[in-house]
Amino acid sequence: MSDHQEKPSIDVRTIPPRERHPRIFGMLGSLLPGTSMLITSDHDPRPLHYQLETNFPGQFGWDYLEEGPDVWRVEIGRMDEGGCECCCGSDH
C-alpha cells in the first residue's frame, strides 16, 4: 500500500471522540481502489478496524505504521477491484 504520493491523512487526536469514526468513514468512502489514507491517534484504533471489517469485509487493508504507546499511526487502503484476492482466477 505504501507509495511516494501524498496520502490523505487525519489526526483524530484533535477531533472530539464521537466525530472521529464518521469523519474517517467519510474519507474512506472517497478513496479510489488501490489508494490509501493515514490515521494518527493517541490509542490503538482497533475498534475502528473491527467496524471496518464488519461493514466492509475484504474491501480495505490495514497496516500499523506506529504502535504506541503515545502515538498510533495506521495506513488504510482500499483494495483493488477485480474479484477475490485468491489465486483461483474467479471474479467472485
N, C-alpha and C. Protein backbone atom coordinates (compact mmCIF):
# COMPACT_ATOMS: atom_id res chain seq x y z
N MET A 1 0.80 -1.19 0.00
CA MET A 1 0.00 0.00 0.00
C MET A 1 0.84 1.26 0.00
N SER A 2 2.04 1.19 0.42
CA SER A 2 2.88 2.38 0.54
C SER A 2 3.39 2.81 -0.83
N ASP A 3 3.36 4.10 -1.07
CA ASP A 3 3.99 4.68 -2.24
C ASP A 3 4.46 6.08 -1.88
N HIS A 4 4.98 6.80 -2.86
CA HIS A 4 5.60 8.08 -2.55
C HIS A 4 4.67 9.27 -2.79
N GLN A 5 3.41 9.05 -3.14
CA GLN A 5 2.48 10.14 -3.33
C GLN A 5 1.93 10.59 -1.98
N GLU A 6 1.50 11.84 -1.93
CA GLU A 6 0.89 12.38 -0.73
C GLU A 6 -0.45 11.68 -0.49
N LYS A 7 -0.61 11.13 0.70
CA LYS A 7 -1.83 10.41 1.04
C LYS A 7 -2.73 11.32 1.88
N PRO A 8 -4.05 11.19 1.72
CA PRO A 8 -4.93 11.90 2.63
C PRO A 8 -4.65 11.42 4.05
N SER A 9 -4.74 12.31 5.01
CA SER A 9 -4.47 11.91 6.39
C SER A 9 -5.40 12.65 7.34
N ILE A 10 -5.57 12.05 8.52
CA ILE A 10 -6.39 12.66 9.55
C ILE A 10 -5.73 12.37 10.90
N ASP A 11 -5.64 13.39 11.72
CA ASP A 11 -5.11 13.25 13.08
C ASP A 11 -6.31 13.36 14.01
N VAL A 12 -6.79 12.22 14.49
CA VAL A 12 -8.02 12.21 15.29
C VAL A 12 -7.81 12.71 16.70
N ARG A 13 -6.56 12.95 17.08
CA ARG A 13 -6.30 13.48 18.42
C ARG A 13 -6.91 14.86 18.61
N THR A 14 -7.18 15.55 17.52
CA THR A 14 -7.73 16.91 17.59
C THR A 14 -9.24 16.94 17.36
N ILE A 15 -9.87 15.77 17.24
CA ILE A 15 -11.29 15.68 16.91
C ILE A 15 -12.04 15.07 18.09
N PRO A 16 -13.21 15.61 18.46
CA PRO A 16 -13.99 15.00 19.54
C PRO A 16 -14.28 13.53 19.23
N PRO A 17 -14.21 12.65 20.24
CA PRO A 17 -14.35 11.21 20.01
C PRO A 17 -15.58 10.79 19.19
N ARG A 18 -16.73 11.38 19.43
CA ARG A 18 -17.93 10.93 18.71
C ARG A 18 -17.93 11.33 17.24
N GLU A 19 -17.04 12.23 16.84
CA GLU A 19 -16.96 12.66 15.44
C GLU A 19 -15.89 11.90 14.65
N ARG A 20 -15.05 11.13 15.34
CA ARG A 20 -13.89 10.52 14.68
C ARG A 20 -14.29 9.50 13.62
N HIS A 21 -15.05 8.48 13.99
CA HIS A 21 -15.37 7.43 13.02
C HIS A 21 -16.17 7.97 11.83
N PRO A 22 -17.19 8.82 12.04
CA PRO A 22 -17.89 9.36 10.87
C PRO A 22 -16.96 10.11 9.91
N ARG A 23 -16.03 10.87 10.43
CA ARG A 23 -15.09 11.60 9.55
C ARG A 23 -14.18 10.63 8.81
N ILE A 24 -13.68 9.62 9.52
CA ILE A 24 -12.80 8.64 8.89
C ILE A 24 -13.54 7.90 7.79
N PHE A 25 -14.77 7.43 8.08
CA PHE A 25 -15.53 6.70 7.07
C PHE A 25 -15.87 7.59 5.88
N GLY A 26 -16.08 8.88 6.11
CA GLY A 26 -16.28 9.80 5.00
C GLY A 26 -15.06 9.86 4.09
N MET A 27 -13.89 9.89 4.70
CA MET A 27 -12.65 9.92 3.91
C MET A 27 -12.44 8.59 3.19
N LEU A 28 -12.72 7.48 3.87
CA LEU A 28 -12.54 6.17 3.25
C LEU A 28 -13.46 6.01 2.04
N GLY A 29 -14.65 6.58 2.12
CA GLY A 29 -15.59 6.49 1.01
C GLY A 29 -15.09 7.18 -0.25
N SER A 30 -14.19 8.12 -0.11
CA SER A 30 -13.67 8.83 -1.28
C SER A 30 -12.40 8.21 -1.84
N LEU A 31 -11.87 7.18 -1.18
CA LEU A 31 -10.66 6.54 -1.70
C LEU A 31 -10.96 5.73 -2.95
N LEU A 32 -10.11 5.85 -3.93
CA LEU A 32 -10.20 5.03 -5.13
C LEU A 32 -9.53 3.69 -4.88
N PRO A 33 -9.92 2.65 -5.62
CA PRO A 33 -9.24 1.36 -5.46
C PRO A 33 -7.74 1.51 -5.66
N GLY A 34 -6.98 0.89 -4.78
CA GLY A 34 -5.53 0.94 -4.85
C GLY A 34 -4.89 2.12 -4.15
N THR A 35 -5.71 3.01 -3.56
CA THR A 35 -5.17 4.16 -2.83
C THR A 35 -5.38 3.97 -1.33
N SER A 36 -4.73 4.82 -0.53
CA SER A 36 -4.80 4.66 0.92
C SER A 36 -4.80 6.01 1.61
N MET A 37 -5.07 5.96 2.92
CA MET A 37 -5.04 7.15 3.76
C MET A 37 -4.34 6.81 5.05
N LEU A 38 -3.93 7.84 5.79
CA LEU A 38 -3.22 7.67 7.05
C LEU A 38 -4.06 8.21 8.20
N ILE A 39 -4.03 7.49 9.32
CA ILE A 39 -4.72 7.93 10.53
C ILE A 39 -3.70 8.00 11.65
N THR A 40 -3.75 9.08 12.42
CA THR A 40 -2.91 9.24 13.61
C THR A 40 -3.85 9.33 14.81
N SER A 41 -3.54 8.56 15.86
CA SER A 41 -4.40 8.51 17.05
C SER A 41 -3.54 8.44 18.31
N ASP A 42 -4.18 8.68 19.45
CA ASP A 42 -3.49 8.58 20.74
C ASP A 42 -3.75 7.23 21.41
N HIS A 43 -4.42 6.32 20.70
CA HIS A 43 -4.69 4.98 21.22
C HIS A 43 -4.77 4.01 20.03
N ASP A 44 -4.73 2.73 20.33
CA ASP A 44 -4.85 1.72 19.29
C ASP A 44 -6.26 1.81 18.68
N PRO A 45 -6.37 2.08 17.38
CA PRO A 45 -7.68 2.22 16.76
C PRO A 45 -8.33 0.88 16.39
N ARG A 46 -8.07 -0.13 17.19
CA ARG A 46 -8.61 -1.47 16.93
C ARG A 46 -10.14 -1.47 16.77
N PRO A 47 -10.92 -0.72 17.59
CA PRO A 47 -12.38 -0.71 17.36
C PRO A 47 -12.76 -0.23 15.96
N LEU A 48 -12.01 0.72 15.43
CA LEU A 48 -12.25 1.18 14.06
C LEU A 48 -11.97 0.04 13.07
N HIS A 49 -10.91 -0.70 13.31
CA HIS A 49 -10.57 -1.82 12.44
C HIS A 49 -11.69 -2.85 12.44
N TYR A 50 -12.22 -3.19 13.62
CA TYR A 50 -13.33 -4.14 13.71
C TYR A 50 -14.56 -3.61 12.97
N GLN A 51 -14.86 -2.34 13.14
CA GLN A 51 -16.01 -1.74 12.47
C GLN A 51 -15.82 -1.76 10.96
N LEU A 52 -14.63 -1.48 10.50
CA LEU A 52 -14.32 -1.50 9.08
C LEU A 52 -14.50 -2.90 8.50
N GLU A 53 -13.97 -3.91 9.19
CA GLU A 53 -14.08 -5.29 8.71
C GLU A 53 -15.52 -5.79 8.73
N THR A 54 -16.31 -5.33 9.71
CA THR A 54 -17.71 -5.75 9.80
C THR A 54 -18.54 -5.12 8.70
N ASN A 55 -18.36 -3.83 8.47
CA ASN A 55 -19.18 -3.11 7.50
C ASN A 55 -18.71 -3.25 6.05
N PHE A 56 -17.41 -3.48 5.85
CA PHE A 56 -16.84 -3.55 4.50
C PHE A 56 -15.85 -4.71 4.40
N PRO A 57 -16.29 -5.94 4.62
CA PRO A 57 -15.35 -7.07 4.65
C PRO A 57 -14.57 -7.22 3.34
N GLY A 58 -13.26 -7.32 3.48
CA GLY A 58 -12.38 -7.55 2.34
C GLY A 58 -12.16 -6.36 1.42
N GLN A 59 -12.71 -5.20 1.77
CA GLN A 59 -12.58 -4.04 0.88
C GLN A 59 -11.40 -3.14 1.22
N PHE A 60 -10.88 -3.27 2.45
CA PHE A 60 -9.80 -2.40 2.89
C PHE A 60 -8.68 -3.20 3.54
N GLY A 61 -7.45 -2.75 3.33
CA GLY A 61 -6.29 -3.30 4.03
C GLY A 61 -5.94 -2.40 5.21
N TRP A 62 -5.22 -2.93 6.19
CA TRP A 62 -4.91 -2.22 7.43
C TRP A 62 -3.46 -2.50 7.78
N ASP A 63 -2.63 -1.47 7.87
CA ASP A 63 -1.22 -1.64 8.23
C ASP A 63 -0.85 -0.66 9.34
N TYR A 64 -0.36 -1.22 10.46
CA TYR A 64 0.15 -0.36 11.52
C TYR A 64 1.51 0.19 11.09
N LEU A 65 1.68 1.50 11.16
CA LEU A 65 2.95 2.14 10.87
C LEU A 65 3.69 2.50 12.15
N GLU A 66 2.94 2.75 13.22
CA GLU A 66 3.49 3.07 14.54
C GLU A 66 2.50 2.56 15.57
N GLU A 67 3.00 1.87 16.60
CA GLU A 67 2.13 1.22 17.58
C GLU A 67 2.42 1.68 19.00
N GLY A 68 2.11 2.95 19.28
CA GLY A 68 2.15 3.49 20.64
C GLY A 68 3.51 3.47 21.29
N PRO A 69 3.53 3.77 22.57
CA PRO A 69 2.37 3.88 23.46
C PRO A 69 1.65 5.21 23.37
N ASP A 70 2.29 6.27 22.88
CA ASP A 70 1.64 7.58 22.86
C ASP A 70 0.98 7.91 21.53
N VAL A 71 1.56 7.44 20.44
CA VAL A 71 1.05 7.74 19.11
C VAL A 71 0.88 6.44 18.33
N TRP A 72 -0.26 6.32 17.68
CA TRP A 72 -0.55 5.18 16.81
C TRP A 72 -0.80 5.73 15.42
N ARG A 73 -0.16 5.13 14.42
CA ARG A 73 -0.36 5.53 13.03
C ARG A 73 -0.73 4.30 12.22
N VAL A 74 -1.78 4.45 11.41
CA VAL A 74 -2.29 3.34 10.61
C VAL A 74 -2.49 3.82 9.18
N GLU A 75 -2.15 2.94 8.24
CA GLU A 75 -2.46 3.19 6.83
C GLU A 75 -3.59 2.25 6.44
N ILE A 76 -4.67 2.82 5.94
CA ILE A 76 -5.82 2.03 5.48
C ILE A 76 -5.91 2.22 3.98
N GLY A 77 -5.95 1.11 3.25
CA GLY A 77 -6.01 1.19 1.80
C GLY A 77 -7.21 0.47 1.23
N ARG A 78 -7.82 1.07 0.22
CA ARG A 78 -8.93 0.41 -0.48
C ARG A 78 -8.31 -0.62 -1.43
N MET A 79 -8.81 -1.83 -1.35
CA MET A 79 -8.30 -2.91 -2.18
C MET A 79 -8.65 -2.65 -3.64
N ASP A 80 -7.80 -3.15 -4.53
CA ASP A 80 -8.08 -3.06 -5.96
C ASP A 80 -9.32 -3.86 -6.28
N GLU A 81 -10.09 -3.39 -7.26
CA GLU A 81 -11.27 -4.13 -7.70
C GLU A 81 -10.83 -5.26 -8.61
N GLY A 82 -11.73 -6.22 -8.81
CA GLY A 82 -11.41 -7.29 -9.74
C GLY A 82 -11.52 -8.66 -9.14
N GLY A 83 -12.48 -8.86 -8.25
CA GLY A 83 -12.68 -10.19 -7.72
C GLY A 83 -11.96 -10.42 -6.42
N CYS A 84 -11.84 -11.67 -6.09
CA CYS A 84 -11.26 -12.03 -4.80
C CYS A 84 -9.74 -11.88 -4.83
N GLU A 85 -9.14 -11.99 -3.69
CA GLU A 85 -7.69 -11.84 -3.55
C GLU A 85 -6.96 -13.18 -3.64
N CYS A 86 -7.69 -14.23 -3.98
CA CYS A 86 -7.05 -15.55 -4.05
C CYS A 86 -6.49 -15.79 -5.45
N CYS A 87 -5.93 -16.95 -5.66
CA CYS A 87 -5.28 -17.25 -6.94
C CYS A 87 -6.16 -18.09 -7.86
N CYS A 88 -7.45 -18.20 -7.57
CA CYS A 88 -8.31 -19.10 -8.34
C CYS A 88 -8.70 -18.55 -9.71
N GLY A 89 -8.54 -17.23 -9.91
CA GLY A 89 -8.91 -16.63 -11.18
C GLY A 89 -10.38 -16.28 -11.28
N SER A 90 -11.14 -16.56 -10.24
CA SER A 90 -12.56 -16.28 -10.24
C SER A 90 -12.82 -14.79 -10.04
N ASP A 91 -13.99 -14.35 -10.43
CA ASP A 91 -14.39 -12.96 -10.23
C ASP A 91 -15.43 -12.86 -9.12
N HIS A 92 -15.40 -13.80 -8.16
CA HIS A 92 -16.39 -13.80 -7.07
C HIS A 92 -15.99 -12.91 -5.95
